[in-house]
Amino acid sequence: MPSRYFRVPLSEIGYVRMIVDAYDGLAAVRSLGHDRGEIEWLVGEGMDDEAEALAVKLAAEIGMHPIPRPADWEDLAPAELHALPLTSAAAGPLSDKLAG
């Protein structure tokens, strides 16, 4: 599964997690610490276009922007990757998820 890395204002990391989680199967969000404004999206299979569209929206809304993989970023162990709740289900607009 592909990873994308972003810099996010510390005060917005929880918001980004909530929004991404609302899109079932889109991505899992992780960070290495509460004092870092860097996050990783582990993008679900077949969800690259949807992830890109959401990243563009969040960039405009909260100033999140893509960054290269940080040199000290720690990889997840294979068992941790397998446990991520990602599916290939299509993610629709957040308003559709909330209306259902």
C-alpha atoms as a PDB file:
ATOM      1  CA  MET A   1       0.000   0.000   0.000  1.00  0.00           C
ATOM      2  CA  PRO A   2       1.411   3.373  -0.935  1.00  0.00           C
ATOM      3  CA  SER A   3       2.280   5.969   1.673  1.00  0.00           C
ATOM      4  CA  ARG A   4       1.978   9.732   1.417  1.00  0.00           C
ATOM      5  CA  TYR A   5       3.552  12.132   3.873  1.00  0.00           C
ATOM      6  CA  PHE A   6       2.267  15.552   4.897  1.00  0.00           C
ATOM      7  CA  ARG A   7       3.105  18.461   7.154  1.00  0.00           C
ATOM      8  CA  VAL A   8       0.071  19.545   9.152  1.00  0.00           C
ATOM      9  CA  PRO A   9      -0.374  22.218  11.818  1.00  0.00           C
ATOM     10  CA  LEU A  10      -0.225  20.388  15.158  1.00  0.00           C
ATOM     11  CA  SER A  11      -3.639  21.717  16.118  1.00  0.00           C
ATOM     12  CA  GLU A  12      -5.166  20.107  12.990  1.00  0.00           C
ATOM     13  CA  ILE A  13      -3.828  16.541  13.217  1.00  0.00           C
ATOM     14  CA  GLY A  14      -6.899  15.267  15.080  1.00  0.00           C
ATOM     15  CA  TYR A  15      -9.152  16.919  12.514  1.00  0.00           C
ATOM     16  CA  VAL A  16      -7.275  15.290   9.627  1.00  0.00           C
ATOM     17  CA  ARG A  17      -7.530  11.884  11.321  1.00  0.00           C
ATOM     18  CA  MET A  18     -11.272  12.318  11.806  1.00  0.00           C
ATOM     19  CA  ILE A  19     -11.883  13.368   8.199  1.00  0.00           C
ATOM     20  CA  VAL A  20      -9.747  10.589   6.691  1.00  0.00           C
ATOM     21  CA  ASP A  21     -11.334   7.981   8.973  1.00  0.00           C
ATOM     22  CA  ALA A  22     -14.788   9.068   7.772  1.00  0.00           C
ATOM     23  CA  TYR A  23     -13.868   7.770   4.318  1.00  0.00           C
ATOM     24  CA  ASP A  24     -13.945   4.009   4.937  1.00  0.00           C
ATOM     25  CA  GLY A  25     -10.929   2.327   3.404  1.00  0.00           C
ATOM     26  CA  LEU A  26      -9.348   5.533   2.103  1.00  0.00           C
ATOM     27  CA  ALA A  27      -6.264   5.571   4.298  1.00  0.00           C
ATOM     28  CA  ALA A  28      -4.901   4.982   7.757  1.00  0.00           C
ATOM     29  CA  VAL A  29      -3.286   8.042   9.324  1.00  0.00           C
ATOM     30  CA  ARG A  30      -0.337   7.806  11.663  1.00  0.00           C
ATOM     31  CA  SER A  31       2.217  10.082  13.224  1.00  0.00           C
ATOM     32  CA  LEU A  32       5.387   9.405  15.172  1.00  0.00           C
ATOM     33  CA  GLY A  33       4.643  11.743  18.020  1.00  0.00           C
ATOM     34  CA  HIS A  34       2.345  14.420  19.380  1.00  0.00           C
ATOM     35  CA  ASP A  35       5.036  17.048  18.933  1.00  0.00           C
ATOM     36  CA  ARG A  36       5.586  16.466  15.217  1.00  0.00           C
ATOM     37  CA  GLY A  37       3.493  18.076  12.525  1.00  0.00           C
ATOM     38  CA  GLU A  38       4.216  15.213  10.146  1.00  0.00           C
ATOM     39  CA  ILE A  39       1.754  12.470   9.289  1.00  0.00           C
ATOM     40  CA  GLU A  40       1.676   9.475   7.004  1.00  0.00           C
ATOM     41  CA  TRP A  41      -1.323   8.304   5.042  1.00  0.00           C
ATOM     42  CA  LEU A  42      -1.201   4.588   4.247  1.00  0.00           C
ATOM     43  CA  VAL A  43      -3.530   4.702   1.255  1.00  0.00           C
ATOM     44  CA  GLY A  44      -5.947   1.825   0.680  1.00  0.00           C
ATOM     45  CA  GLU A  45      -5.794  -0.243  -2.485  1.00  0.00           C
ATOM     46  CA  GLY A  46      -7.335   1.580  -5.433  1.00  0.00           C
ATOM     47  CA  MET A  47      -7.936   4.755  -3.424  1.00  0.00           C
ATOM     48  CA  ASP A  48      -5.136   6.924  -4.844  1.00  0.00           C
ATOM     49  CA  ASP A  49      -7.402   9.345  -6.738  1.00  0.00           C
ATOM     50  CA  GLU A  50      -9.745   9.802  -3.785  1.00  0.00           C
ATOM     51  CA  ALA A  51      -6.786  10.342  -1.442  1.00  0.00           C
ATOM     52  CA  GLU A  52      -5.344  12.972  -3.775  1.00  0.00           C
ATOM     53  CA  ALA A  53      -8.685  14.797  -4.003  1.00  0.00           C
ATOM     54  CA  LEU A  54      -9.040  14.886  -0.214  1.00  0.00           C
ATOM     55  CA  ALA A  55      -5.411  16.015   0.230  1.00  0.00           C
ATOM     56  CA  VAL A  56      -6.054  18.940  -2.138  1.00  0.00           C
ATOM     57  CA  LYS A  57      -9.150  19.947  -0.155  1.00  0.00           C
ATOM     58  CA  LEU A  58      -7.310  19.735   3.165  1.00  0.00           C
ATOM     59  CA  ALA A  59      -4.401  21.739   1.768  1.00  0.00           C
ATOM     60  CA  ALA A  60      -6.773  24.576   0.928  1.00  0.00           C
ATOM     61  CA  GLU A  61      -8.706  24.299   4.195  1.00  0.00           C
ATOM     62  CA  ILE A  62      -5.993  23.863   6.843  1.00  0.00           C
ATOM     63  CA  GLY A  63      -2.646  24.298   5.103  1.00  0.00           C
ATOM     64  CA  MET A  64      -1.660  20.622   4.968  1.00  0.00           C
ATOM     65  CA  HIS A  65       1.012  20.044   2.335  1.00  0.00           C
ATOM     66  CA  PRO A  66       2.909  17.049   0.975  1.00  0.00           C
ATOM     67  CA  ILE A  67       6.485  16.447   2.074  1.00  0.00           C
ATOM     68  CA  PRO A  68       9.125  13.842   1.264  1.00  0.00           C
ATOM     69  CA  ARG A  69       9.321  10.897   3.627  1.00  0.00           C
ATOM     70  CA  PRO A  70      11.114  12.134   6.776  1.00  0.00           C
ATOM     71  CA  ALA A  71      14.544  10.495   7.135  1.00  0.00           C
ATOM     72  CA  ASP A  72      13.770   9.239  10.643  1.00  0.00           C
ATOM     73  CA  TRP A  73      10.325   7.814   9.827  1.00  0.00           C
ATOM     74  CA  GLU A  74       9.826   4.327  11.264  1.00  0.00           C
ATOM     75  CA  ASP A  75       8.214   1.606   9.131  1.00  0.00           C
ATOM     76  CA  LEU A  76       5.373  -0.490  10.463  1.00  0.00           C
ATOM     77  CA  ALA A  77       6.044  -4.164  11.037  1.00  0.00           C
ATOM     78  CA  PRO A  78       4.262  -6.550   8.602  1.00  0.00           C
ATOM     79  CA  ALA A  79       1.807  -7.620  11.323  1.00  0.00           C
ATOM     80  CA  GLU A  80       0.920  -3.973  11.979  1.00  0.00           C
ATOM     81  CA  LEU A  81       0.349  -3.341   8.270  1.00  0.00           C
ATOM     82  CA  HIS A  82      -1.915  -6.380   8.024  1.00  0.00           C
ATOM     83  CA  ALA A  83      -4.018  -5.131  10.940  1.00  0.00           C
ATOM     84  CA  LEU A  84      -4.842  -1.766   9.298  1.00  0.00           C
ATOM     85  CA  PRO A  85      -8.580  -1.345   8.597  1.00  0.00           C
ATOM     86  CA  LEU A  86      -8.222  -0.651   4.877  1.00  0.00           C
ATOM     87  CA  THR A  87     -10.478  -2.108   2.228  1.00  0.00           C
ATOM     88  CA  SER A  88     -10.948  -1.434  -1.452  1.00  0.00           C
ATOM     89  CA  ALA A  89     -14.444  -0.048  -0.825  1.00  0.00           C
ATOM     90  CA  ALA A  90     -15.174   3.164  -2.697  1.00  0.00           C
ATOM     91  CA  ALA A  91     -15.302   6.256  -0.532  1.00  0.00           C
ATOM     92  CA  GLY A  92     -18.007   8.747  -1.281  1.00  0.00           C
ATOM     93  CA  PRO A  93     -18.378  12.340  -0.206  1.00  0.00           C
ATOM     94  CA  LEU A  94     -18.350  12.870   3.539  1.00  0.00           C
ATOM     95  CA  SER A  95     -21.881  14.304   3.392  1.00  0.00           C
ATOM     96  CA  ASP A  96     -23.094  10.981   1.925  1.00  0.00           C
ATOM     97  CA  LYS A  97     -21.432   9.063   4.780  1.00  0.00           C
ATOM     98  CA  LEU A  98     -23.059  11.280   7.406  1.00  0.00           C
ATOM     99  CA  ALA A  99     -26.516  11.310   5.776  1.00  0.00           C
ATOM    100  CA  GLY A 100     -26.768   7.485   5.749  1.00  0.00           C
END
